[in-house]
Amino acid sequence: MDKLGALKMFVVTAQLGSFSRAAEQLGKTPSALTKAVNHLESELGARLFERSTRRILLTEIGRLYLETARQVLQRLDEASEEIEQLQHGLRGSLKITAPLAYGRAFLDQVCDGFLQQYPQISLQVDLCDEFVNLLESGYDLALREGHDDLPGLIARVVGSNRLALCGSPEYLARKGVPVTPQTLDQHEWLLYRHPLLSREFWWAERDGQRLSLAQPAAPLLRSDNYDLLLASALSGRGLLHTPLWSAAPYIADGRLVRVMADYEIDPDSFGPHILAVYPSHRRATAKVVAFIDYIAEFLAERGLN
């Protein structure tokens, strides 16, 4: 029996938890999948599934074998793709996940330029703020903020995650109060809510002196959606901590003013970098490397490296 074919049938059966559903997806008969799994079990001398009339469950050995089988099939697919790209140039598809705020800030431009440069590659870009497990989700690449010491993952720094405290010229003129560590409680605040961020303090540093500053007790607007907060800052509602990868164009054209600019604001648990991340057990294919190089160059050209 074809070993690779049997491995694929085993993996799909394990993922779907059913011989009949796996057979339907693969265009095979349930008996063909049962035969393939029986062959693997005979070869191993161990059961991969516990079977009942209602369902099948992986045994402990089955779970171990599944992880290895997935990696074998993945690496063979990657090798075939790399050979095809060597022969015919970069082509195929890339599946990418990234935070929502990256979309409007720069990723829309990155994707447009990348697709123009590599017309034989297609992209699937899913934007969400929930944590995505790259080891299980099937994404080729994730863009994230954070630190680059991630277990089980390879992370390449493609940009910086520096924060600025900003308000619109209209808000600052209307309020008429300078923004200093001593006057923060006199201002209206737009506060980004995230489980990784402290609800009590934020930190700023100047001339080697690190300050712990209280988060506003009653912000004018609190939200877990950054784009909503940014729109409010641009319309003059109050002060907002905003990453420079987002705020830089608005600062440049005068729609936002950076205040307390002589302070470095700590990005807290989000970390100092924009990262391109992929699983360590997968080789970075040529198209993944091309996308990482493209986004790193794009951000560097805008002073965000």
Protein backbone atom coordinates (compact mmCIF):
# COMPACT_ATOMS: atom_id res chain seq x y z
CA MET A 1 0.00 0.00 0.00
CA ASP A 2 1.13 3.56 -0.75
CA LYS A 3 2.56 4.75 2.58
CA LEU A 4 2.11 8.46 1.91
CA GLY A 5 -1.46 7.92 0.79
CA ALA A 6 -2.16 5.93 3.95
CA LEU A 7 -0.64 8.69 6.10
CA LYS A 8 -2.83 11.31 4.47
CA MET A 9 -5.94 9.19 5.01
CA PHE A 10 -5.00 8.66 8.65
CA VAL A 11 -4.42 12.39 9.23
CA VAL A 12 -7.73 13.45 7.66
CA THR A 13 -9.61 10.73 9.56
CA ALA A 14 -8.03 11.91 12.83
CA GLN A 15 -8.87 15.54 12.09
CA LEU A 16 -12.52 14.81 11.26
CA GLY A 17 -13.01 12.03 13.79
CA SER A 18 -14.90 9.90 11.29
CA PHE A 19 -14.03 7.45 8.51
CA SER A 20 -17.13 8.38 6.54
CA ARG A 21 -16.53 12.16 6.68
CA ALA A 22 -12.85 11.70 5.81
CA ALA A 23 -13.78 9.43 2.90
CA GLU A 24 -16.22 12.06 1.60
CA GLN A 25 -13.57 14.80 1.81
CA LEU A 26 -10.91 12.68 0.07
CA GLY A 27 -13.21 11.16 -2.54
CA LYS A 28 -12.56 7.64 -1.22
CA THR A 29 -14.72 4.91 0.24
CA PRO A 30 -14.83 4.41 4.02
CA SER A 31 -13.54 0.87 3.52
CA ALA A 32 -10.46 2.24 1.70
CA LEU A 33 -9.66 4.48 4.69
CA THR A 34 -10.25 1.66 7.15
CA LYS A 35 -7.89 -0.54 5.15
CA ALA A 36 -5.21 2.20 5.09
CA VAL A 37 -5.39 2.73 8.86
CA ASN A 38 -5.36 -1.04 9.46
CA HIS A 39 -2.21 -1.27 7.34
CA LEU A 40 -0.47 1.44 9.42
CA GLU A 41 -1.56 -0.23 12.66
CA SER A 42 -0.26 -3.59 11.46
CA GLU A 43 3.05 -2.02 10.48
CA LEU A 44 3.38 -0.29 13.87
CA GLY A 45 2.07 -3.19 15.92
CA ALA A 46 -0.18 -0.78 17.82
CA ARG A 47 -3.67 0.66 17.56
CA LEU A 48 -4.01 4.26 16.34
CA PHE A 49 -7.75 4.56 17.04
CA GLU A 50 -10.15 3.25 19.64
CA ARG A 51 -13.24 2.35 17.62
CA SER A 52 -16.86 2.10 18.68
CA THR A 53 -20.09 1.98 16.73
CA ARG A 54 -20.64 5.70 17.34
CA ARG A 55 -17.18 7.30 17.11
CA ILE A 56 -13.44 6.85 16.88
CA LEU A 57 -10.84 8.31 19.24
CA LEU A 58 -7.08 8.54 18.91
CA THR A 59 -5.07 6.38 21.26
CA GLU A 60 -2.01 7.84 22.99
CA ILE A 61 0.16 6.24 20.31
CA GLY A 62 -2.22 7.62 17.68
CA ARG A 63 -1.76 11.16 18.99
CA LEU A 64 2.03 10.84 18.83
CA TYR A 65 1.87 9.33 15.34
CA LEU A 66 -0.51 12.04 14.14
CA GLU A 67 1.90 14.83 15.04
CA THR A 68 4.75 13.16 13.14
CA ALA A 69 2.53 12.28 10.16
CA ARG A 70 1.40 15.90 9.84
CA GLN A 71 4.99 17.12 9.84
CA VAL A 72 6.05 14.54 7.23
CA LEU A 73 3.22 15.49 4.89
CA GLN A 74 3.78 19.21 5.48
CA ARG A 75 7.49 18.99 4.70
CA LEU A 76 6.89 16.95 1.55
CA ASP A 77 4.37 19.57 0.38
CA GLU A 78 6.87 22.33 1.13
CA ALA A 79 9.66 20.50 -0.72
CA SER A 80 7.44 20.02 -3.78
CA GLU A 81 6.48 23.69 -3.67
CA GLU A 82 10.11 24.82 -3.35
CA ILE A 83 11.11 22.70 -6.36
CA GLU A 84 8.24 24.13 -8.40
CA GLN A 85 9.28 27.67 -7.44
CA LEU A 86 12.88 27.00 -8.40
CA GLN A 87 11.68 25.82 -11.79
CA HIS A 88 8.90 28.34 -12.44
CA GLY A 89 9.40 31.28 -10.04
CA LEU A 90 7.41 32.26 -6.96
CA ARG A 91 3.81 31.07 -7.12
CA GLY A 92 1.10 29.54 -5.00
CA SER A 93 -0.79 30.92 -2.01
CA LEU A 94 0.12 32.42 1.36
CA LYS A 95 -2.15 32.30 4.39
CA ILE A 96 -1.42 35.12 6.84
CA THR A 97 -2.94 36.24 10.14
CA ALA A 98 -2.42 39.68 11.68
CA PRO A 99 -4.00 42.10 14.19
CA LEU A 100 -6.96 44.15 13.03
CA ALA A 101 -5.16 47.48 13.37
CA TYR A 102 -2.39 46.44 10.96
CA GLY A 103 -4.90 46.38 8.10
CA ARG A 104 -5.56 50.10 7.67
CA ALA A 105 -2.22 51.18 9.13
CA PHE A 106 0.09 49.49 6.62
CA LEU A 107 -0.86 45.93 5.69
CA ASP A 108 -3.29 47.01 2.96
CA GLN A 109 -0.44 48.81 1.20
CA VAL A 110 1.98 45.94 1.82
CA CYS A 111 -0.40 43.41 0.28
CA ASP A 112 -1.11 45.61 -2.73
CA GLY A 113 2.58 46.16 -3.46
CA PHE A 114 3.48 42.52 -2.86
CA LEU A 115 0.79 41.26 -5.24
CA GLN A 116 2.00 43.66 -7.92
CA GLN A 117 5.58 42.43 -7.50
CA TYR A 118 4.60 38.73 -7.34
CA PRO A 119 1.51 38.33 -9.55
CA GLN A 120 1.60 34.51 -9.41
CA ILE A 121 1.10 34.47 -5.62
CA SER A 122 -2.32 34.80 -4.03
CA LEU A 123 -2.89 35.92 -0.43
CA GLN A 124 -5.39 35.02 2.24
CA VAL A 125 -5.11 37.61 5.02
CA ASP A 126 -7.22 37.12 8.15
CA LEU A 127 -7.30 40.03 10.58
CA CYS A 128 -8.26 39.35 14.18
CA ASP A 129 -7.09 40.29 17.66
CA GLU A 130 -7.59 36.82 19.15
CA PHE A 131 -4.52 34.66 19.75
CA VAL A 132 -3.94 32.25 16.84
CA ASN A 133 -2.05 29.01 17.51
CA LEU A 134 0.25 28.73 14.51
CA LEU A 135 1.15 25.14 15.32
CA GLU A 136 -2.45 24.04 14.74
CA SER A 137 -4.13 26.64 12.53
CA GLY A 138 -2.46 26.07 9.16
CA TYR A 139 -1.27 29.65 8.67
CA ASP A 140 2.00 30.13 6.82
CA LEU A 141 2.84 33.32 8.67
CA ALA A 142 1.63 35.55 11.48
CA LEU A 143 2.37 39.23 12.04
CA ARG A 144 2.44 40.12 15.72
CA GLU A 145 3.70 42.59 18.26
CA GLY A 146 5.87 41.20 21.00
CA HIS A 147 9.18 39.72 21.99
CA ASP A 148 11.15 37.47 19.65
CA ASP A 149 11.83 34.63 22.12
CA LEU A 150 8.78 32.52 21.30
CA PRO A 151 8.90 28.76 22.05
CA GLY A 152 8.21 26.55 19.05
CA LEU A 153 8.24 29.53 16.69
CA ILE A 154 10.75 31.39 14.56
CA ALA A 155 10.32 35.15 14.79
CA ARG A 156 11.96 37.76 12.59
CA VAL A 157 11.81 41.43 13.56
CA VAL A 158 10.37 43.42 10.65
CA GLY A 159 9.57 46.71 12.40
CA SER A 160 9.44 48.60 15.67
CA ASN A 161 6.50 49.03 18.02
CA ARG A 162 7.17 52.49 19.47
CA LEU A 163 4.31 54.32 21.15
CA ALA A 164 3.39 58.00 21.09
CA LEU A 165 0.87 59.96 23.13
CA CYS A 166 -1.19 61.99 20.67
CA GLY A 167 -4.12 64.36 20.42
CA SER A 168 -5.60 66.39 17.60
CA PRO A 169 -4.74 70.10 17.27
CA GLU A 170 -8.44 70.89 17.82
CA TYR A 171 -8.56 68.97 21.09
CA LEU A 172 -5.33 70.49 22.43
CA ALA A 173 -6.48 74.04 21.54
CA ARG A 174 -9.89 73.50 23.08
CA LYS A 175 -8.52 72.00 26.26
CA GLY A 176 -5.83 74.66 26.68
CA VAL A 177 -3.88 72.60 29.23
CA PRO A 178 -0.31 71.47 28.50
CA VAL A 179 0.24 67.71 28.55
CA THR A 180 2.80 66.81 31.22
CA PRO A 181 3.02 64.00 33.79
CA GLN A 182 1.55 66.46 36.30
CA THR A 183 -1.52 67.42 34.22
CA LEU A 184 -2.59 64.06 32.81
CA ASP A 185 -5.64 63.83 35.06
CA GLN A 186 -6.94 67.10 33.61
CA HIS A 187 -7.30 65.61 30.13
CA GLU A 188 -9.86 63.51 28.32
CA TRP A 189 -8.61 60.01 27.53
CA LEU A 190 -9.29 57.39 24.89
CA LEU A 191 -8.19 54.09 26.38
CA TYR A 192 -7.40 50.86 24.55
CA ARG A 193 -8.60 47.86 26.53
CA HIS A 194 -6.67 44.60 26.20
CA PRO A 195 -6.07 41.72 28.64
CA LEU A 196 -2.29 42.00 28.24
CA LEU A 197 -2.19 45.65 29.28
CA SER A 198 -2.07 46.95 32.82
CA ARG A 199 -5.32 48.55 33.98
CA GLU A 200 -3.56 50.58 36.65
CA PHE A 201 -0.34 52.06 35.25
CA TRP A 202 1.62 52.99 32.14
CA TRP A 203 5.31 53.72 32.02
CA ALA A 204 7.35 56.50 30.44
CA GLU A 205 11.07 57.21 30.54
CA ARG A 206 13.16 60.34 30.02
CA ASP A 207 16.88 60.90 30.67
CA GLY A 208 17.14 57.49 32.32
CA GLN A 209 14.31 58.24 34.76
CA ARG A 210 11.37 55.81 34.56
CA LEU A 211 7.96 57.06 35.65
CA SER A 212 4.95 54.97 36.63
CA LEU A 213 1.85 56.94 35.61
CA ALA A 214 -1.71 56.09 36.61
CA GLN A 215 -4.15 54.98 33.94
CA PRO A 216 -7.13 57.37 33.75
CA ALA A 217 -9.81 56.32 36.21
CA ALA A 218 -12.70 57.49 34.03
CA PRO A 219 -11.70 57.68 30.36
CA LEU A 220 -14.05 59.40 27.96
CA LEU A 221 -14.00 56.35 25.71
CA ARG A 222 -12.73 52.85 26.44
CA SER A 223 -12.69 50.17 23.72
CA ASP A 224 -10.99 46.99 22.58
CA ASN A 225 -11.08 48.29 18.98
CA TYR A 226 -8.09 50.46 18.16
CA ASP A 227 -9.51 51.87 14.90
CA LEU A 228 -12.53 53.23 16.75
CA LEU A 229 -10.26 54.98 19.26
CA LEU A 230 -8.04 56.37 16.51
CA ALA A 231 -11.07 57.84 14.72
CA SER A 232 -12.11 59.50 17.98
CA ALA A 233 -8.63 60.95 18.49
CA LEU A 234 -8.65 62.36 14.95
CA SER A 235 -12.03 63.96 15.55
CA GLY A 236 -10.75 65.72 18.66
CA ARG A 237 -12.19 63.67 21.51
CA GLY A 238 -9.01 63.29 23.61
CA LEU A 239 -5.57 61.79 24.12
CA LEU A 240 -4.61 58.34 22.82
CA HIS A 241 -1.58 56.09 23.17
CA THR A 242 -0.96 55.10 19.57
CA PRO A 243 1.81 53.11 17.89
CA LEU A 244 3.91 55.11 15.46
CA TRP A 245 3.31 52.50 12.75
CA SER A 246 -0.25 53.84 12.82
CA ALA A 247 0.13 57.47 13.88
CA ALA A 248 3.13 58.53 11.75
CA PRO A 249 1.12 59.65 8.67
CA TYR A 250 -1.32 61.67 10.83
CA ILE A 251 1.54 63.31 12.72
CA ALA A 252 3.23 64.13 9.42
CA ASP A 253 0.14 65.81 7.93
CA GLY A 254 -0.76 67.61 11.16
CA ARG A 255 -3.97 65.77 12.02
CA LEU A 256 -2.34 64.48 15.22
CA VAL A 257 0.18 66.17 17.49
CA ARG A 258 2.65 64.16 19.51
CA VAL A 259 2.73 65.32 23.14
CA MET A 260 5.29 64.43 25.81
CA ALA A 261 7.50 63.67 22.81
CA ASP A 262 10.65 63.71 24.92
CA TYR A 263 9.41 60.63 26.79
CA GLU A 264 9.78 57.03 25.61
CA ILE A 265 6.55 55.19 26.33
CA ASP A 266 6.84 51.53 27.29
CA PRO A 267 4.70 49.29 25.01
CA ASP A 268 4.12 46.98 28.01
CA SER A 269 3.34 43.34 27.16
CA PHE A 270 2.99 44.10 23.45
CA GLY A 271 6.78 44.32 23.29
CA PRO A 272 9.08 46.56 21.25
CA HIS A 273 8.87 44.81 17.87
CA ILE A 274 6.63 43.97 14.95
CA LEU A 275 7.35 40.32 14.25
CA ALA A 276 6.87 37.94 11.35
CA VAL A 277 6.40 34.53 12.93
CA TYR A 278 6.18 30.98 11.61
CA PRO A 279 6.41 27.51 13.23
CA SER A 280 9.95 26.28 13.88
CA HIS A 281 9.17 22.80 12.51
CA ARG A 282 8.37 24.31 9.09
CA ARG A 283 10.94 25.66 6.71
CA ALA A 284 10.42 29.21 5.54
CA THR A 285 9.54 28.71 1.88
CA ALA A 286 10.75 31.17 -0.71
CA LYS A 287 7.36 32.91 -0.87
CA VAL A 288 7.27 33.31 2.93
CA VAL A 289 10.77 34.79 2.89
CA ALA A 290 9.75 37.09 0.02
CA PHE A 291 6.79 38.42 1.99
CA ILE A 292 8.86 38.93 5.14
CA ASP A 293 11.55 40.77 3.17
CA TYR A 294 8.91 42.92 1.46
CA ILE A 295 7.19 44.04 4.67
CA ALA A 296 10.52 44.67 6.42
CA GLU A 297 11.67 46.90 3.54
CA PHE A 298 8.29 48.68 3.44
CA LEU A 299 8.44 49.56 7.15
CA ALA A 300 12.13 50.52 6.97
CA GLU A 301 11.42 52.99 4.15
CA ARG A 302 8.95 54.70 6.48
CA GLY A 303 11.35 54.86 9.42
CA LEU A 304 9.50 52.13 11.32
CA ASN A 305 12.33 49.58 11.50
